[in-house]
Amino acid sequence: MIEQDTVRLLRECDAGIKMGVSSIEDTLQSVKSVDLKKYLEECKAKHETLKEEIQILLARYHDDGKEPNAMAKGMSWIKTNAKLALDESDKTVADLMTDGCNMGIKTLNRFLNQYEAADEKSKDIAKRLIRLEEKLVEEIRQFL
């Protein structure tokens, strides 16, 4: 049970990171503020560092990770592009990123509860990912 929950939690973290990085990449070209761009790029880099850590752990279990849900990714892309087409501003980017982070925080907390038998290392990664998302929301609040 521990191994199964560990792999499942790591896979969900992997999918969440891929979704987050994709969302940041989808919005970066619309950012005008140097500070907002810096916050997003730093968050993306930290996500990618965590992704590498997750990939190493998943490899130990002979698992390739998980792609984000295609429907969720598609809907996110449509929402992002529609909103930015109407108002390509830092406020819109901050709003989209805040919504995405809040969804990620909620989802990751649900998986932490669901896979409670996961090992402490994978739980720590999930918690670090949650803190990254919470920090970004706090940093970009000034742009809302």
Protein backbone atom coordinates (compact mmCIF):
# COMPACT_ATOMS: atom_id res chain seq x y z
CA MET A 1 0.00 0.00 0.00
CA ILE A 2 2.83 2.42 0.82
CA GLU A 3 4.50 1.91 -2.55
CA GLN A 4 1.21 2.16 -4.44
CA ASP A 5 0.17 5.40 -2.69
CA THR A 6 3.68 6.81 -3.11
CA VAL A 7 3.67 6.24 -6.87
CA ARG A 8 0.14 7.61 -7.21
CA LEU A 9 0.97 10.78 -5.27
CA LEU A 10 4.18 11.32 -7.25
CA ARG A 11 2.28 10.82 -10.50
CA GLU A 12 -0.32 13.43 -9.51
CA CYS A 13 2.43 15.87 -8.53
CA ASP A 14 4.09 15.22 -11.90
CA ALA A 15 0.86 15.95 -13.78
CA GLY A 16 0.25 19.06 -11.67
CA ILE A 17 3.72 20.41 -12.36
CA LYS A 18 3.32 19.83 -16.09
CA MET A 19 0.00 21.67 -16.00
CA GLY A 20 1.49 24.56 -14.01
CA VAL A 21 4.52 24.94 -16.27
CA SER A 22 2.31 24.84 -19.35
CA SER A 23 0.02 27.53 -17.89
CA ILE A 24 2.97 29.78 -17.08
CA GLU A 25 4.34 29.33 -20.60
CA ASP A 26 0.90 30.14 -22.07
CA THR A 27 0.79 33.48 -20.26
CA LEU A 28 4.40 34.69 -20.20
CA GLN A 29 4.31 36.37 -23.63
CA SER A 30 1.44 38.58 -22.40
CA VAL A 31 3.23 39.84 -19.29
CA LYS A 32 4.31 43.46 -19.34
CA SER A 33 5.59 43.93 -15.79
CA VAL A 34 9.21 42.97 -15.14
CA ASP A 35 8.28 41.92 -11.60
CA LEU A 36 5.38 39.70 -12.65
CA LYS A 37 7.54 38.08 -15.31
CA LYS A 38 10.25 37.45 -12.69
CA TYR A 39 7.77 35.82 -10.28
CA LEU A 40 6.41 33.56 -13.00
CA GLU A 41 9.83 32.58 -14.34
CA GLU A 42 11.14 31.82 -10.84
CA CYS A 43 8.08 29.72 -10.08
CA LYS A 44 8.46 27.86 -13.37
CA ALA A 45 12.13 27.11 -12.61
CA LYS A 46 11.24 25.79 -9.15
CA HIS A 47 8.49 23.63 -10.66
CA GLU A 48 10.99 22.18 -13.12
CA THR A 49 13.45 21.44 -10.31
CA LEU A 50 10.73 19.58 -8.41
CA LYS A 51 9.78 17.75 -11.61
CA GLU A 52 13.35 16.43 -11.91
CA GLU A 53 13.22 15.23 -8.31
CA ILE A 54 9.90 13.48 -8.98
CA GLN A 55 11.24 11.83 -12.14
CA ILE A 56 14.17 10.34 -10.19
CA LEU A 57 11.80 8.90 -7.58
CA LEU A 58 9.36 7.59 -10.19
CA ALA A 59 12.22 5.90 -12.05
CA ARG A 60 12.95 3.88 -8.90
CA TYR A 61 9.42 2.49 -9.19
CA HIS A 62 9.78 2.00 -12.99
CA ASP A 63 7.06 4.59 -13.63
CA ASP A 64 7.11 7.28 -16.33
CA GLY A 65 4.88 9.77 -14.53
CA LYS A 66 1.58 11.18 -15.68
CA GLU A 67 0.42 13.71 -18.21
CA PRO A 68 -2.23 16.24 -17.18
CA ASN A 69 -5.81 15.35 -18.03
CA ALA A 70 -6.27 16.28 -21.69
CA MET A 71 -9.70 17.80 -21.10
CA ALA A 72 -8.48 19.93 -18.19
CA LYS A 73 -5.44 21.07 -20.15
CA GLY A 74 -7.55 21.92 -23.19
CA MET A 75 -10.10 23.84 -21.16
CA SER A 76 -7.31 25.75 -19.41
CA TRP A 77 -5.76 26.66 -22.76
CA ILE A 78 -9.10 27.85 -24.14
CA LYS A 79 -9.87 29.92 -21.02
CA THR A 80 -6.40 31.47 -21.03
CA ASN A 81 -6.47 32.41 -24.69
CA ALA A 82 -10.04 33.71 -24.58
CA LYS A 83 -9.39 35.92 -21.57
CA LEU A 84 -6.10 37.22 -22.95
CA ALA A 85 -7.73 37.94 -26.32
CA LEU A 86 -10.23 40.19 -24.54
CA ASP A 87 -7.74 41.81 -22.16
CA GLU A 88 -4.04 41.15 -22.55
CA SER A 89 -2.99 42.73 -19.27
CA ASP A 90 -0.97 41.80 -16.20
CA LYS A 91 -4.22 41.84 -14.24
CA THR A 92 -5.65 39.12 -16.50
CA VAL A 93 -2.47 37.05 -16.26
CA ALA A 94 -2.46 37.37 -12.45
CA ASP A 95 -6.13 36.40 -12.34
CA LEU A 96 -5.60 33.33 -14.52
CA MET A 97 -2.52 32.24 -12.58
CA THR A 98 -4.27 32.75 -9.23
CA ASP A 99 -7.19 30.58 -10.37
CA GLY A 100 -4.81 27.90 -11.61
CA CYS A 101 -2.73 27.91 -8.44
CA ASN A 102 -5.82 27.71 -6.24
CA MET A 103 -7.07 24.74 -8.26
CA GLY A 104 -3.66 23.09 -7.93
CA ILE A 105 -3.51 23.69 -4.18
CA LYS A 106 -6.98 22.21 -3.71
CA THR A 107 -6.23 19.19 -5.90
CA LEU A 108 -2.85 18.46 -4.30
CA ASN A 109 -4.33 18.64 -0.81
CA ARG A 110 -7.04 16.20 -1.90
CA PHE A 111 -4.39 13.78 -3.20
CA LEU A 112 -2.35 14.15 0.00
CA ASN A 113 -5.43 13.06 1.94
CA GLN A 114 -6.32 10.33 -0.53
CA TYR A 115 -2.84 8.79 -0.63
CA GLU A 116 -2.12 9.02 3.07
CA ALA A 117 -0.01 5.82 3.02
CA ALA A 118 2.52 7.46 0.66
CA ASP A 119 6.07 7.71 1.97
CA GLU A 120 7.22 10.89 3.69
CA LYS A 121 9.51 11.94 0.84
CA SER A 122 6.65 12.04 -1.68
CA LYS A 123 4.39 13.80 0.82
CA ASP A 124 7.14 16.38 1.35
CA ILE A 125 7.35 16.99 -2.40
CA ALA A 126 3.58 17.49 -2.59
CA LYS A 127 3.72 19.93 0.34
CA ARG A 128 6.61 21.84 -1.25
CA LEU A 129 4.62 22.08 -4.47
CA ILE A 130 1.62 23.40 -2.54
CA ARG A 131 3.84 26.01 -0.84
CA LEU A 132 5.21 27.08 -4.24
CA GLU A 133 1.70 27.64 -5.51
CA GLU A 134 0.68 29.51 -2.36
CA LYS A 135 3.78 31.72 -2.60
CA LEU A 136 3.07 32.61 -6.23
CA VAL A 137 -0.53 33.55 -5.39
CA GLU A 138 0.75 35.83 -2.64
CA GLU A 139 3.43 37.42 -4.83
CA ILE A 140 1.13 38.17 -7.76
CA ARG A 141 -1.79 39.43 -5.69
CA GLN A 142 -0.53 42.98 -6.22
CA PHE A 143 -1.26 42.64 -9.96
CA LEU A 144 -4.94 41.69 -9.55
